[in-house]
Structures are given as C-alpha cells and as structure tokens.
Amino acid sequence: MPITVVAKVVAKKDCVEAVKTELLKLIAPTRQENGCIEYNLHQDHDNPTVFVFYETWENGTCLDAHMATKHFKSYVEAVTSMIEEKIVHKMDRIA
C-alpha cells in the first residue's frame, strides 16, 4: 500500500539558504529511487524558514530504504544544527 509523507522542516532564521541548498540536493537522487512515486519540496510563501516535503512511496519498505541512503544521511548530518524543528507525518490514504 502506498504511503504518503508530509515532512515539515523549519530552518533557523540565519540558515534558510543553507538549509534550502541541502534540501534541494535531495531531489534528483531521491526521485530516482526505487518506489519513489512523488517527491516535492515547497517553501512557505509568507515564512521562508518553513519547508514542506510532500512525498508518495510505493510502500514503507521503499521509504525505509530512502532514509538509509547516503544522500539522505548526508542531508541529516548537514542540517542538524541549522534547523529549529522537524515534524514528519507518515500517512495512509483513506479516500
């Protein structure tokens, strides 16, 4: 069953561009991953510190594999000290 992820990342005010750069590095390699159906990054129009990923994966196994990739682990390491908040919602489509 497909799984949807909505992930919110809030950058520290002085780190917005650096966080954005790291987030953008994830796009191309992630879209090539097995099971990635949709992987889109958004930046809040009124509050540029807020970034939201909207993702769709074939299943939880594919999502787990994504989080184990080198590019994802590199992103986490790079932004850990530059973000205020990270909230990840893993959801099942019900309608």
Foldseek 3Di string as FASTA:
>chain_A
DKKKKKKKWFFDPVCLVVLVVLVVLLPVVLCPFPFWPDWDKDADPVHRRIIIIITMGNDPVSVVVSCVDPSNVVSCVRCVVGTDDMDMDIDDDDD
